[in-house]
Protein backbone atom coordinates (compact mmCIF):
# COMPACT_ATOMS: atom_id res chain seq x y z
CA MET A 1 -26.68 5.79 6.34
CA THR A 2 -24.75 9.06 6.26
CA MET A 3 -22.52 9.95 3.32
CA THR A 4 -19.41 9.64 5.52
CA ALA A 5 -20.45 6.24 6.93
CA GLU A 6 -21.25 4.99 3.42
CA ARG A 7 -17.85 6.19 2.13
CA ASP A 8 -16.06 4.61 5.11
CA ARG A 9 -17.82 1.28 4.45
CA GLU A 10 -16.90 1.48 0.75
CA VAL A 11 -13.25 2.17 1.61
CA ASP A 12 -13.20 -0.70 4.14
CA ASP A 13 -14.61 -3.09 1.51
CA LEU A 14 -12.09 -1.90 -1.05
CA VAL A 15 -9.14 -2.27 1.32
CA HIS A 16 -10.22 -5.84 2.10
CA GLN A 17 -10.42 -6.64 -1.62
CA ILE A 18 -6.98 -5.16 -2.29
CA ALA A 19 -5.55 -7.01 0.70
CA SER A 20 -6.99 -10.21 -0.77
CA TYR A 21 -5.16 -9.43 -3.99
CA SER A 22 -1.92 -8.77 -2.10
CA ALA A 23 -2.27 -12.16 -0.45
CA GLY A 24 -2.50 -13.76 -3.87
CA SER A 25 -6.17 -14.74 -3.82
CA CYS A 26 -6.96 -12.91 -7.07
CA ASP A 27 -4.94 -11.98 -10.13
CA THR A 28 -3.71 -8.59 -11.34
CA ALA A 29 -6.55 -8.21 -13.84
CA GLU A 30 -9.08 -8.58 -11.00
CA ALA A 31 -7.26 -6.14 -8.70
CA GLN A 32 -6.74 -3.37 -11.25
CA PRO A 33 -10.34 -2.04 -11.26
CA LEU A 34 -10.17 -1.93 -7.47
CA LEU A 35 -7.24 0.46 -7.57
CA GLU A 36 -8.17 2.67 -10.51
CA GLY A 37 -10.06 5.76 -9.55
CA ARG A 38 -10.73 4.65 -5.99
CA PHE A 39 -7.73 6.10 -4.15
CA THR A 40 -7.71 9.36 -6.07
CA ARG A 41 -10.47 10.84 -3.92
CA LYS A 42 -9.23 13.36 -1.43
CA ASP A 43 -10.41 13.06 2.13
CA PRO A 44 -13.28 15.54 2.49
CA ARG A 45 -12.16 16.32 6.05
CA VAL A 46 -9.02 18.02 4.69
CA ALA A 47 -9.79 21.40 3.22
CA PRO A 48 -8.01 22.25 -0.05
CA THR A 49 -6.51 25.33 1.61
CA HIS A 50 -4.66 23.09 4.08
CA GLN A 51 -3.26 21.06 1.21
CA ARG A 52 -2.03 24.19 -0.60
CA ALA A 53 -0.54 25.62 2.57
CA ALA A 54 1.50 22.50 3.23
CA HIS A 55 2.74 21.99 -0.33
CA GLY A 56 2.50 25.26 -2.19
CA GLU A 57 -0.02 26.12 -4.88
CA GLY A 58 -0.23 23.45 -7.56
CA SER A 59 2.53 21.21 -6.21
CA ALA A 60 2.07 17.42 -6.30
CA MET A 61 1.64 15.75 -2.92
CA GLN A 62 3.73 12.74 -2.10
CA TYR A 63 1.95 9.48 -1.37
CA ILE A 64 2.72 6.58 0.97
CA ALA A 65 1.46 3.09 0.14
CA MET A 66 1.67 0.56 2.97
CA ASN A 67 0.82 -3.08 3.39
CA ARG A 68 0.71 -4.51 6.90
CA PHE A 69 1.37 -8.21 7.37
CA LYS A 70 0.60 -10.34 10.41
CA VAL A 71 3.33 -12.97 10.05
CA LYS A 72 2.77 -16.22 11.95
CA LYS A 73 5.15 -16.80 14.84
CA GLY A 74 7.98 -19.01 13.61
CA SER A 75 7.64 -17.76 10.00
CA GLU A 76 9.53 -14.48 10.45
CA GLU A 77 12.77 -15.74 8.91
CA ASP A 78 10.97 -17.12 5.83
CA PHE A 79 8.95 -13.91 5.42
CA GLU A 80 12.07 -11.74 5.64
CA ALA A 81 13.90 -13.98 3.16
CA VAL A 82 11.06 -13.54 0.62
CA TRP A 83 11.44 -9.76 0.81
CA LEU A 84 15.21 -9.48 1.17
CA ASN A 85 16.00 -11.92 -1.67
CA ARG A 86 13.40 -10.84 -4.21
CA GLU A 87 14.07 -9.12 -7.51
CA VAL A 88 13.43 -5.40 -7.06
CA HIS A 89 11.24 -3.72 -9.68
CA LEU A 90 10.31 -0.47 -7.93
CA ASN A 91 13.41 1.47 -8.89
CA LYS A 92 12.47 1.09 -12.58
CA VAL A 93 9.19 2.99 -12.17
CA PRO A 94 8.85 6.77 -12.61
CA GLY A 95 7.78 8.52 -9.43
CA PHE A 96 9.18 5.91 -7.03
CA VAL A 97 11.06 7.60 -4.17
CA ALA A 98 11.83 5.02 -1.45
CA PHE A 99 10.94 1.62 -0.01
CA HIS A 100 11.14 0.38 3.58
CA LEU A 101 10.45 -3.04 5.03
CA LEU A 102 9.57 -2.62 8.69
CA ARG A 103 9.42 -5.15 11.51
CA GLY A 104 7.01 -4.20 14.27
CA PRO A 105 5.94 -5.61 17.59
CA GLY A 106 5.41 -9.28 18.30
CA ARG A 107 2.12 -10.60 19.64
CA ASP A 108 1.13 -14.03 20.97
CA ASP A 109 0.47 -15.46 17.50
CA HIS A 110 2.21 -13.10 15.03
CA VAL A 111 4.79 -10.40 14.35
CA LEU A 112 3.64 -7.25 12.59
CA TYR A 113 5.54 -6.22 9.44
CA SER A 114 4.89 -3.39 7.02
CA SER A 115 6.08 -2.61 3.52
CA HIS A 116 6.16 1.14 3.01
CA THR A 117 6.71 2.82 -0.36
CA LEU A 118 7.03 6.54 -0.90
CA TRP A 119 5.89 7.95 -4.25
CA ALA A 120 6.21 11.38 -5.85
CA SER A 121 2.40 11.44 -6.10
CA GLU A 122 -0.65 9.23 -5.83
CA ASP A 123 -0.73 9.13 -9.64
CA ALA A 124 2.81 7.70 -9.66
CA PHE A 125 1.64 4.94 -7.29
CA LEU A 126 -1.40 4.18 -9.45
CA ASN A 127 0.80 4.07 -12.55
CA TRP A 128 2.99 1.52 -10.74
CA THR A 129 -0.09 -0.67 -10.16
CA ARG A 130 -0.74 -0.63 -13.93
CA SER A 131 2.85 -1.45 -14.91
CA GLU A 132 4.57 -4.63 -16.07
CA ALA A 133 6.99 -4.09 -13.17
CA PHE A 134 4.05 -4.38 -10.74
CA ARG A 135 2.90 -7.63 -12.31
CA ALA A 136 6.43 -9.01 -12.20
CA ALA A 137 6.86 -8.00 -8.55
CA HIS A 138 3.62 -9.71 -7.49
CA LYS A 139 3.65 -12.81 -9.71
CA ASP A 140 4.49 -15.21 -6.87
CA ALA A 141 2.60 -13.45 -4.05
CA GLY A 142 0.09 -16.27 -3.60
CA GLY A 143 2.81 -18.73 -2.61
CA ASN A 144 3.51 -16.75 0.56
CA LYS A 145 -0.01 -17.04 1.96
CA PRO A 146 0.94 -19.72 4.55
CA LEU A 147 3.23 -17.20 6.27
CA TYR A 148 0.37 -14.84 7.21
CA LEU A 149 -2.52 -14.67 9.62
CA GLY A 150 -5.34 -13.29 7.50
CA HIS A 151 -4.83 -10.98 4.56
CA PRO A 152 -2.26 -8.17 4.35
CA GLU A 153 -3.89 -4.80 5.00
CA PHE A 154 -3.36 -2.02 2.44
CA GLU A 155 -3.35 1.62 3.55
CA GLY A 156 -2.67 4.63 1.32
CA PHE A 157 -1.82 8.09 2.60
CA THR A 158 -1.35 11.50 1.01
CA ILE A 159 1.40 13.40 2.80
CA LEU A 160 0.03 16.71 4.05
CA GLN A 161 3.12 17.90 5.87
CA GLU A 162 6.78 16.87 6.07
CA ILE A 163 9.34 18.32 8.45
CA LYS A 164 13.00 17.56 7.84
CA ALA A 165 16.12 18.07 9.94
């Protein structure tokens, strides 16, 4: 197996484990080792010179953390109520920039949703995952499992370029 294929398989396995955590099938103590040190690797396909060119020498790169949810048809209102009526903990955490809850396209059996957080850096995101605020925000996550098809899918992205109006 090539180094890239092995790394891709490792990342796929890790994402599945984190998605299982997000769905409430394991506790915070189990999920923490999955997060620590695993998403700090930079993609080897992006040369460091490209990163410096986009952000300036030594500047921190912003990070996007997303969870995608396949919400069962007929459960959309309940899913939205969970998110729109929850206690917000993100704005108490250093490095948090923004949060978006997105509704996507509908399919035969589900509607796609995504939670999207923007962080000052990947380290800020990882610090959030280690915080009491994170534990408080996810304490009841397992109770929402009946709303989903499968596990939520986690995806993390380092922003390489941003263009503003």
